[in-house]
N, C-alpha and C. Protein backbone atom coordinates (compact mmCIF):
# COMPACT_ATOMS: atom_id res chain seq x y z
N MET A 1 23.20 16.56 -7.51
CA MET A 1 22.05 17.40 -7.80
C MET A 1 22.54 18.56 -8.68
N THR A 2 21.87 18.78 -9.78
CA THR A 2 22.29 19.84 -10.70
C THR A 2 21.80 21.20 -10.24
N ALA A 3 22.36 22.25 -10.81
CA ALA A 3 21.93 23.61 -10.47
C ALA A 3 20.46 23.80 -10.84
N TYR A 4 20.06 23.17 -11.96
CA TYR A 4 18.66 23.27 -12.38
C TYR A 4 17.71 22.68 -11.34
N SER A 5 18.04 21.48 -10.81
CA SER A 5 17.14 20.85 -9.83
C SER A 5 17.14 21.61 -8.51
N VAL A 6 18.27 22.19 -8.12
CA VAL A 6 18.30 23.00 -6.91
C VAL A 6 17.40 24.22 -7.10
N GLN A 7 17.48 24.86 -8.27
CA GLN A 7 16.66 26.03 -8.54
C GLN A 7 15.18 25.66 -8.53
N ARG A 8 14.83 24.49 -9.09
CA ARG A 8 13.43 24.04 -9.08
C ARG A 8 12.93 23.88 -7.65
N LEU A 9 13.76 23.29 -6.77
CA LEU A 9 13.37 23.12 -5.38
C LEU A 9 13.17 24.48 -4.70
N LEU A 10 14.08 25.42 -4.95
CA LEU A 10 13.94 26.75 -4.36
C LEU A 10 12.68 27.45 -4.86
N ASP A 11 12.42 27.35 -6.17
CA ASP A 11 11.22 27.98 -6.73
C ASP A 11 9.96 27.36 -6.15
N ARG A 12 9.96 26.05 -6.01
CA ARG A 12 8.79 25.36 -5.46
C ARG A 12 8.54 25.80 -4.02
N HIS A 13 9.61 25.94 -3.25
CA HIS A 13 9.48 26.36 -1.87
C HIS A 13 8.92 27.79 -1.79
N ARG A 14 9.37 28.67 -2.68
CA ARG A 14 8.90 30.05 -2.68
C ARG A 14 7.42 30.16 -2.99
N GLU A 15 6.89 29.23 -3.79
CA GLU A 15 5.48 29.26 -4.18
C GLU A 15 4.56 28.89 -3.03
N LYS A 16 5.07 28.23 -2.02
CA LYS A 16 4.25 27.77 -0.91
C LYS A 16 4.01 28.88 0.09
N PRO A 17 2.92 28.81 0.80
CA PRO A 17 2.64 29.82 1.83
C PRO A 17 3.70 29.79 2.93
N ASP A 18 3.84 30.90 3.61
CA ASP A 18 4.82 30.99 4.70
C ASP A 18 4.39 30.20 5.92
N THR A 19 3.11 29.98 6.06
CA THR A 19 2.64 29.29 7.26
C THR A 19 2.48 27.80 6.97
N TRP A 20 3.06 27.00 7.79
CA TRP A 20 2.97 25.54 7.68
C TRP A 20 2.12 25.07 8.84
N PRO A 21 1.12 24.23 8.62
CA PRO A 21 0.30 23.79 9.74
C PRO A 21 1.14 23.01 10.74
N THR A 22 0.87 23.22 11.99
CA THR A 22 1.66 22.55 13.03
C THR A 22 0.83 21.62 13.90
N THR A 23 -0.45 21.52 13.62
CA THR A 23 -1.31 20.62 14.39
C THR A 23 -1.95 19.62 13.44
N PRO A 24 -2.33 18.44 13.93
CA PRO A 24 -2.94 17.45 13.07
C PRO A 24 -4.34 17.89 12.62
N VAL A 25 -4.76 17.34 11.49
CA VAL A 25 -6.11 17.60 11.01
C VAL A 25 -7.11 17.14 12.06
N GLY A 26 -8.11 17.95 12.31
CA GLY A 26 -9.14 17.61 13.26
C GLY A 26 -8.81 17.99 14.70
N ALA A 27 -7.61 18.51 14.94
CA ALA A 27 -7.22 18.88 16.31
C ALA A 27 -7.48 20.36 16.53
N GLY A 28 -8.73 20.70 16.63
CA GLY A 28 -9.08 22.10 16.86
C GLY A 28 -9.67 22.75 15.63
N ALA A 29 -10.34 23.84 15.84
CA ALA A 29 -11.05 24.51 14.77
C ALA A 29 -10.13 25.09 13.71
N ALA A 30 -8.88 25.33 14.05
CA ALA A 30 -7.96 25.96 13.10
C ALA A 30 -7.42 24.98 12.06
N ASN A 31 -7.65 23.69 12.22
CA ASN A 31 -7.11 22.72 11.28
C ASN A 31 -8.14 21.61 11.03
N THR A 32 -9.13 21.93 10.25
CA THR A 32 -10.22 21.00 9.97
C THR A 32 -9.97 20.26 8.65
N TYR A 33 -10.83 19.32 8.34
CA TYR A 33 -10.74 18.62 7.05
C TYR A 33 -10.86 19.62 5.91
N GLU A 34 -11.70 20.64 6.09
CA GLU A 34 -11.87 21.66 5.06
C GLU A 34 -10.57 22.45 4.87
N ASP A 35 -9.86 22.73 5.98
CA ASP A 35 -8.56 23.41 5.89
C ASP A 35 -7.57 22.54 5.11
N HIS A 36 -7.58 21.24 5.42
CA HIS A 36 -6.69 20.30 4.75
C HIS A 36 -6.97 20.30 3.25
N GLU A 37 -8.24 20.26 2.89
CA GLU A 37 -8.60 20.27 1.46
C GLU A 37 -8.18 21.57 0.80
N ALA A 38 -8.35 22.68 1.49
CA ALA A 38 -7.96 23.98 0.93
C ALA A 38 -6.45 24.05 0.71
N ARG A 39 -5.67 23.51 1.66
CA ARG A 39 -4.22 23.50 1.51
C ARG A 39 -3.78 22.59 0.37
N MET A 40 -4.41 21.42 0.26
CA MET A 40 -4.06 20.49 -0.81
C MET A 40 -4.32 21.14 -2.18
N LEU A 41 -5.41 21.89 -2.28
CA LEU A 41 -5.72 22.58 -3.53
C LEU A 41 -4.67 23.67 -3.81
N LYS A 42 -4.37 24.46 -2.81
CA LYS A 42 -3.44 25.57 -2.98
C LYS A 42 -2.02 25.11 -3.25
N TRP A 43 -1.55 24.10 -2.51
CA TRP A 43 -0.16 23.68 -2.61
C TRP A 43 0.11 22.68 -3.72
N PHE A 44 -0.85 21.77 -3.97
CA PHE A 44 -0.62 20.70 -4.93
C PHE A 44 -1.61 20.69 -6.10
N GLY A 45 -2.64 21.52 -6.03
CA GLY A 45 -3.63 21.54 -7.11
C GLY A 45 -4.59 20.36 -7.06
N PHE A 46 -4.74 19.72 -5.89
CA PHE A 46 -5.63 18.56 -5.74
C PHE A 46 -6.99 19.01 -5.23
N ARG A 47 -8.05 18.55 -5.91
CA ARG A 47 -9.43 18.76 -5.45
C ARG A 47 -9.97 17.42 -4.96
N PRO A 48 -10.83 17.41 -3.94
CA PRO A 48 -11.36 16.14 -3.43
C PRO A 48 -12.19 15.40 -4.47
N ARG A 49 -12.07 14.09 -4.51
CA ARG A 49 -12.93 13.27 -5.37
C ARG A 49 -14.33 13.27 -4.80
N ALA A 50 -15.27 12.96 -5.63
CA ALA A 50 -16.67 12.92 -5.21
C ALA A 50 -17.00 11.60 -4.50
N GLY A 51 -18.04 11.64 -3.69
CA GLY A 51 -18.57 10.44 -3.06
C GLY A 51 -17.64 9.79 -2.06
N HIS A 52 -17.84 8.47 -1.87
CA HIS A 52 -17.06 7.76 -0.85
C HIS A 52 -15.58 7.66 -1.20
N LEU A 53 -15.21 7.86 -2.46
CA LEU A 53 -13.80 7.77 -2.85
C LEU A 53 -12.98 8.96 -2.36
N ARG A 54 -13.65 9.93 -1.78
CA ARG A 54 -12.97 11.08 -1.18
C ARG A 54 -12.29 10.66 0.12
N HIS A 55 -13.01 9.91 0.96
CA HIS A 55 -12.48 9.54 2.27
C HIS A 55 -12.03 8.09 2.37
N TYR A 56 -12.49 7.24 1.48
CA TYR A 56 -12.13 5.81 1.53
C TYR A 56 -11.68 5.33 0.15
N PRO A 57 -10.62 5.93 -0.38
CA PRO A 57 -10.20 5.53 -1.73
C PRO A 57 -9.42 4.22 -1.74
N CYS A 58 -9.51 3.54 -2.84
CA CYS A 58 -8.71 2.33 -3.07
C CYS A 58 -7.76 2.65 -4.22
N PRO A 59 -6.49 2.29 -4.12
CA PRO A 59 -5.55 2.58 -5.22
C PRO A 59 -5.99 2.02 -6.57
N ARG A 60 -6.77 0.95 -6.56
CA ARG A 60 -7.23 0.37 -7.83
C ARG A 60 -8.10 1.34 -8.62
N THR A 61 -8.79 2.26 -7.93
CA THR A 61 -9.69 3.19 -8.63
C THR A 61 -8.92 4.23 -9.44
N ILE A 62 -7.63 4.41 -9.15
CA ILE A 62 -6.81 5.37 -9.90
C ILE A 62 -6.75 4.96 -11.37
N VAL A 63 -6.76 3.68 -11.63
CA VAL A 63 -6.65 3.17 -13.01
C VAL A 63 -7.98 2.61 -13.50
N GLY A 64 -9.07 3.03 -12.90
CA GLY A 64 -10.40 2.64 -13.38
C GLY A 64 -10.86 1.26 -12.96
N LYS A 65 -10.20 0.66 -11.97
CA LYS A 65 -10.60 -0.66 -11.49
C LYS A 65 -11.43 -0.52 -10.22
N ARG A 66 -12.19 -1.53 -9.91
CA ARG A 66 -13.01 -1.52 -8.69
C ARG A 66 -12.22 -2.06 -7.51
N CYS A 67 -12.56 -1.55 -6.35
CA CYS A 67 -12.00 -2.08 -5.11
C CYS A 67 -12.47 -3.51 -4.97
N ARG A 68 -11.59 -4.39 -4.52
CA ARG A 68 -11.93 -5.81 -4.38
C ARG A 68 -12.07 -6.20 -2.91
N ALA A 69 -12.36 -5.22 -2.06
CA ALA A 69 -12.44 -5.49 -0.62
C ALA A 69 -13.43 -6.60 -0.29
N HIS A 70 -14.49 -6.72 -1.05
CA HIS A 70 -15.50 -7.73 -0.73
C HIS A 70 -15.56 -8.86 -1.75
N THR A 71 -14.69 -8.80 -2.77
CA THR A 71 -14.77 -9.81 -3.82
C THR A 71 -13.45 -10.52 -4.12
N ALA A 72 -12.36 -10.11 -3.51
CA ALA A 72 -11.06 -10.72 -3.80
C ALA A 72 -11.06 -12.18 -3.38
N PRO A 73 -10.58 -13.08 -4.24
CA PRO A 73 -10.56 -14.51 -3.91
C PRO A 73 -9.75 -14.82 -2.65
N ASP A 74 -8.66 -14.08 -2.46
CA ASP A 74 -7.84 -14.32 -1.27
C ASP A 74 -8.33 -13.53 -0.07
N GLY A 75 -9.40 -12.77 -0.27
CA GLY A 75 -10.00 -12.03 0.83
C GLY A 75 -9.43 -10.65 1.09
N LEU A 76 -8.37 -10.27 0.38
CA LEU A 76 -7.76 -8.97 0.62
C LEU A 76 -7.56 -8.17 -0.67
N CYS A 77 -8.06 -6.96 -0.67
CA CYS A 77 -7.78 -6.02 -1.75
C CYS A 77 -6.48 -5.31 -1.40
N ILE A 78 -5.88 -4.65 -2.35
CA ILE A 78 -4.63 -3.92 -2.10
C ILE A 78 -4.82 -2.88 -0.98
N CYS A 79 -6.00 -2.27 -0.91
CA CYS A 79 -6.25 -1.25 0.12
C CYS A 79 -6.33 -1.88 1.52
N GLN A 80 -6.71 -3.15 1.60
CA GLN A 80 -6.74 -3.84 2.89
C GLN A 80 -5.38 -4.41 3.25
N LYS A 81 -4.71 -4.98 2.25
CA LYS A 81 -3.41 -5.60 2.47
C LYS A 81 -2.39 -4.57 2.99
N HIS A 82 -2.49 -3.35 2.52
CA HIS A 82 -1.53 -2.30 2.87
C HIS A 82 -2.17 -1.19 3.70
N HIS A 83 -3.15 -1.55 4.51
CA HIS A 83 -3.91 -0.53 5.25
C HIS A 83 -3.03 0.32 6.18
N ARG A 84 -1.98 -0.26 6.74
CA ARG A 84 -1.15 0.51 7.67
C ARG A 84 -0.39 1.63 6.97
N ILE A 85 0.21 1.33 5.83
CA ILE A 85 0.96 2.35 5.10
C ILE A 85 0.03 3.31 4.35
N LEU A 86 -1.20 2.88 4.12
CA LEU A 86 -2.19 3.74 3.45
C LEU A 86 -3.05 4.50 4.47
N ASP A 87 -2.47 4.79 5.62
CA ASP A 87 -3.17 5.51 6.69
C ASP A 87 -3.52 6.93 6.22
N HIS A 88 -4.61 7.44 6.72
CA HIS A 88 -5.09 8.80 6.38
C HIS A 88 -5.18 8.98 4.86
N SER A 89 -5.81 8.02 4.19
CA SER A 89 -5.94 8.06 2.74
C SER A 89 -7.05 8.99 2.30
N ARG A 90 -6.80 9.66 1.19
CA ARG A 90 -7.80 10.55 0.60
C ARG A 90 -7.72 10.42 -0.92
N GLY A 91 -8.85 10.58 -1.56
CA GLY A 91 -8.91 10.55 -3.01
C GLY A 91 -9.04 11.96 -3.57
N TRP A 92 -8.28 12.26 -4.61
CA TRP A 92 -8.24 13.60 -5.19
C TRP A 92 -8.31 13.54 -6.70
N VAL A 93 -8.52 14.69 -7.30
CA VAL A 93 -8.41 14.88 -8.74
C VAL A 93 -7.37 15.97 -8.93
N ASP A 94 -6.35 15.72 -9.77
CA ASP A 94 -5.31 16.74 -9.94
C ASP A 94 -5.73 17.79 -10.96
N GLN A 95 -4.86 18.75 -11.24
CA GLN A 95 -5.19 19.86 -12.11
C GLN A 95 -5.42 19.44 -13.56
N HIS A 96 -5.02 18.20 -13.91
CA HIS A 96 -5.24 17.67 -15.26
C HIS A 96 -6.46 16.76 -15.33
N GLY A 97 -7.15 16.58 -14.22
CA GLY A 97 -8.34 15.73 -14.18
C GLY A 97 -8.06 14.27 -13.88
N ALA A 98 -6.81 13.94 -13.57
CA ALA A 98 -6.45 12.55 -13.26
C ALA A 98 -6.71 12.26 -11.78
N PHE A 99 -7.07 11.01 -11.49
CA PHE A 99 -7.28 10.60 -10.11
C PHE A 99 -5.94 10.42 -9.41
N VAL A 100 -5.87 10.92 -8.19
CA VAL A 100 -4.67 10.82 -7.36
C VAL A 100 -5.13 10.34 -5.98
N HIS A 101 -4.30 9.56 -5.35
CA HIS A 101 -4.60 9.03 -4.03
C HIS A 101 -3.45 9.46 -3.13
N THR A 102 -3.75 10.04 -1.99
CA THR A 102 -2.68 10.35 -1.03
C THR A 102 -2.90 9.52 0.23
N ALA A 103 -1.80 9.16 0.84
CA ALA A 103 -1.82 8.50 2.14
C ALA A 103 -0.79 9.23 2.98
N GLU A 104 -1.10 9.43 4.26
CA GLU A 104 -0.18 10.18 5.11
C GLU A 104 0.07 9.40 6.40
N PRO A 105 0.88 8.34 6.27
CA PRO A 105 1.16 7.49 7.44
C PRO A 105 2.18 8.12 8.38
N TYR A 106 2.14 7.66 9.63
CA TYR A 106 3.11 8.11 10.62
C TYR A 106 4.46 7.44 10.41
N SER A 107 4.44 6.18 10.03
CA SER A 107 5.70 5.47 9.79
C SER A 107 5.41 4.23 8.95
N PHE A 108 6.47 3.70 8.39
CA PHE A 108 6.40 2.43 7.66
C PHE A 108 7.82 1.92 7.49
N SER A 109 7.92 0.65 7.25
CA SER A 109 9.24 0.05 7.05
C SER A 109 9.57 0.03 5.56
N GLY A 110 10.84 -0.19 5.28
CA GLY A 110 11.26 -0.33 3.89
C GLY A 110 10.57 -1.50 3.21
N ARG A 111 10.36 -2.57 3.95
CA ARG A 111 9.69 -3.76 3.42
C ARG A 111 8.23 -3.43 3.07
N GLU A 112 7.55 -2.69 3.95
CA GLU A 112 6.16 -2.30 3.68
C GLU A 112 6.08 -1.45 2.42
N LEU A 113 7.01 -0.50 2.28
CA LEU A 113 7.01 0.36 1.10
C LEU A 113 7.30 -0.45 -0.16
N ALA A 114 8.29 -1.34 -0.09
CA ALA A 114 8.63 -2.16 -1.25
C ALA A 114 7.46 -3.06 -1.66
N ASP A 115 6.79 -3.67 -0.69
CA ASP A 115 5.63 -4.51 -1.00
C ASP A 115 4.50 -3.71 -1.64
N LEU A 116 4.25 -2.52 -1.10
CA LEU A 116 3.21 -1.67 -1.67
C LEU A 116 3.56 -1.25 -3.09
N VAL A 117 4.79 -0.78 -3.30
CA VAL A 117 5.21 -0.34 -4.64
C VAL A 117 5.11 -1.48 -5.64
N GLY A 118 5.48 -2.69 -5.23
CA GLY A 118 5.36 -3.85 -6.12
C GLY A 118 3.92 -4.14 -6.50
N ASP A 119 3.03 -4.12 -5.52
CA ASP A 119 1.61 -4.38 -5.79
C ASP A 119 1.00 -3.26 -6.64
N LEU A 120 1.43 -2.02 -6.39
CA LEU A 120 0.92 -0.91 -7.20
C LEU A 120 1.39 -1.02 -8.64
N ALA A 121 2.65 -1.36 -8.85
CA ALA A 121 3.18 -1.50 -10.21
C ALA A 121 2.40 -2.56 -10.99
N ASP A 122 1.99 -3.62 -10.30
CA ASP A 122 1.21 -4.69 -10.95
C ASP A 122 -0.10 -4.19 -11.53
N ILE A 123 -0.66 -3.11 -10.94
CA ILE A 123 -1.93 -2.59 -11.45
C ILE A 123 -1.76 -1.28 -12.23
N GLY A 124 -0.49 -0.85 -12.44
CA GLY A 124 -0.23 0.34 -13.24
C GLY A 124 -0.26 1.65 -12.47
N VAL A 125 0.11 1.59 -11.17
CA VAL A 125 0.13 2.78 -10.33
C VAL A 125 1.53 2.97 -9.78
N GLU A 126 1.98 4.24 -9.70
CA GLU A 126 3.28 4.54 -9.11
C GLU A 126 3.10 5.29 -7.80
N ALA A 127 4.13 5.27 -6.97
CA ALA A 127 4.09 5.94 -5.67
C ALA A 127 5.26 6.91 -5.56
N GLU A 128 4.98 8.08 -5.04
CA GLU A 128 6.01 9.08 -4.75
C GLU A 128 5.95 9.36 -3.25
N VAL A 129 7.09 9.41 -2.59
CA VAL A 129 7.15 9.71 -1.17
C VAL A 129 7.57 11.17 -1.02
N SER A 130 6.81 11.91 -0.24
CA SER A 130 7.09 13.33 -0.03
C SER A 130 7.12 13.65 1.46
N GLY A 131 8.02 14.52 1.86
CA GLY A 131 8.06 14.98 3.24
C GLY A 131 7.08 16.11 3.49
N GLU A 132 6.32 16.50 2.48
CA GLU A 132 5.39 17.62 2.59
C GLU A 132 3.99 17.16 2.94
N SER A 133 3.86 16.47 4.03
CA SER A 133 2.54 16.01 4.47
C SER A 133 1.81 17.14 5.18
N LEU A 134 0.56 17.29 4.85
CA LEU A 134 -0.26 18.32 5.49
C LEU A 134 -1.16 17.74 6.56
N TRP A 135 -1.14 16.42 6.72
CA TRP A 135 -2.03 15.78 7.71
C TRP A 135 -1.59 16.12 9.13
N TYR A 136 -0.35 15.80 9.44
CA TYR A 136 0.22 16.10 10.76
C TYR A 136 1.69 16.40 10.52
N PRO A 137 1.99 17.61 10.08
CA PRO A 137 3.36 17.97 9.70
C PRO A 137 4.37 17.63 10.80
N THR A 138 5.49 17.18 10.37
CA THR A 138 6.62 16.72 11.17
C THR A 138 6.39 15.35 11.79
N SER A 139 5.20 14.80 11.68
CA SER A 139 4.93 13.47 12.23
C SER A 139 4.47 12.48 11.17
N THR A 140 4.05 12.96 10.01
CA THR A 140 3.63 12.09 8.93
C THR A 140 4.38 12.45 7.65
N VAL A 141 4.45 11.50 6.74
CA VAL A 141 4.96 11.75 5.39
C VAL A 141 3.80 11.54 4.44
N MET A 142 3.94 11.98 3.21
CA MET A 142 2.84 11.82 2.26
C MET A 142 3.28 10.93 1.11
N LEU A 143 2.45 9.93 0.84
CA LEU A 143 2.61 9.11 -0.35
C LEU A 143 1.60 9.61 -1.37
N VAL A 144 2.06 9.87 -2.58
CA VAL A 144 1.18 10.29 -3.66
C VAL A 144 1.16 9.17 -4.68
N LEU A 145 -0.01 8.60 -4.88
CA LEU A 145 -0.17 7.50 -5.82
C LEU A 145 -0.88 8.02 -7.06
N ARG A 146 -0.34 7.70 -8.23
CA ARG A 146 -0.98 8.10 -9.48
C ARG A 146 -0.72 7.07 -10.56
N LYS A 147 -1.46 7.17 -11.63
CA LYS A 147 -1.32 6.24 -12.75
C LYS A 147 0.06 6.33 -13.35
N LEU A 148 0.67 5.18 -13.63
CA LEU A 148 1.97 5.15 -14.28
C LEU A 148 1.86 5.75 -15.67
N PRO A 149 2.85 6.53 -16.10
CA PRO A 149 2.84 7.02 -17.48
C PRO A 149 2.90 5.84 -18.44
N GLU A 150 2.33 5.99 -19.61
CA GLU A 150 2.28 4.90 -20.59
C GLU A 150 3.67 4.34 -20.90
N ALA A 151 4.67 5.22 -21.00
CA ALA A 151 6.03 4.80 -21.33
C ALA A 151 6.62 3.90 -20.25
N ALA A 152 6.17 4.00 -19.03
CA ALA A 152 6.74 3.22 -17.92
C ALA A 152 6.10 1.85 -17.77
N ARG A 153 5.05 1.58 -18.51
CA ARG A 153 4.35 0.28 -18.35
C ARG A 153 5.00 -0.83 -19.13
């Protein structure tokens, strides 16, 4: 790790609020869905997507494709096939106006992650794993799914 990357990590940590949520979303009035949305905006610059894609997003919608939950020939859309690792999924819009999908699962295996990343790459979506989950801190991790940059396709 270079001195530059260490400094970036320190700067990023300093920008975050001192208080980290310690209870899961929905567990009491102090940590509601609205609180979760406010934190996501403040910490990551994510605003909730409109309509049903806010609470039930499909990774295919990140790249302008429709969910195939009811039309896939094999009967499974990517959001159904990987439903366990896509736990606590939410649809967002980032500060540049791009669609972002977060999932905050409690656990997953290396095989589950590899299968998901492979299926996402096939549709032009990348996944980032972050320990900064706001859903249930210390018990969940956050996957951030976004459109692959043009150079990576």
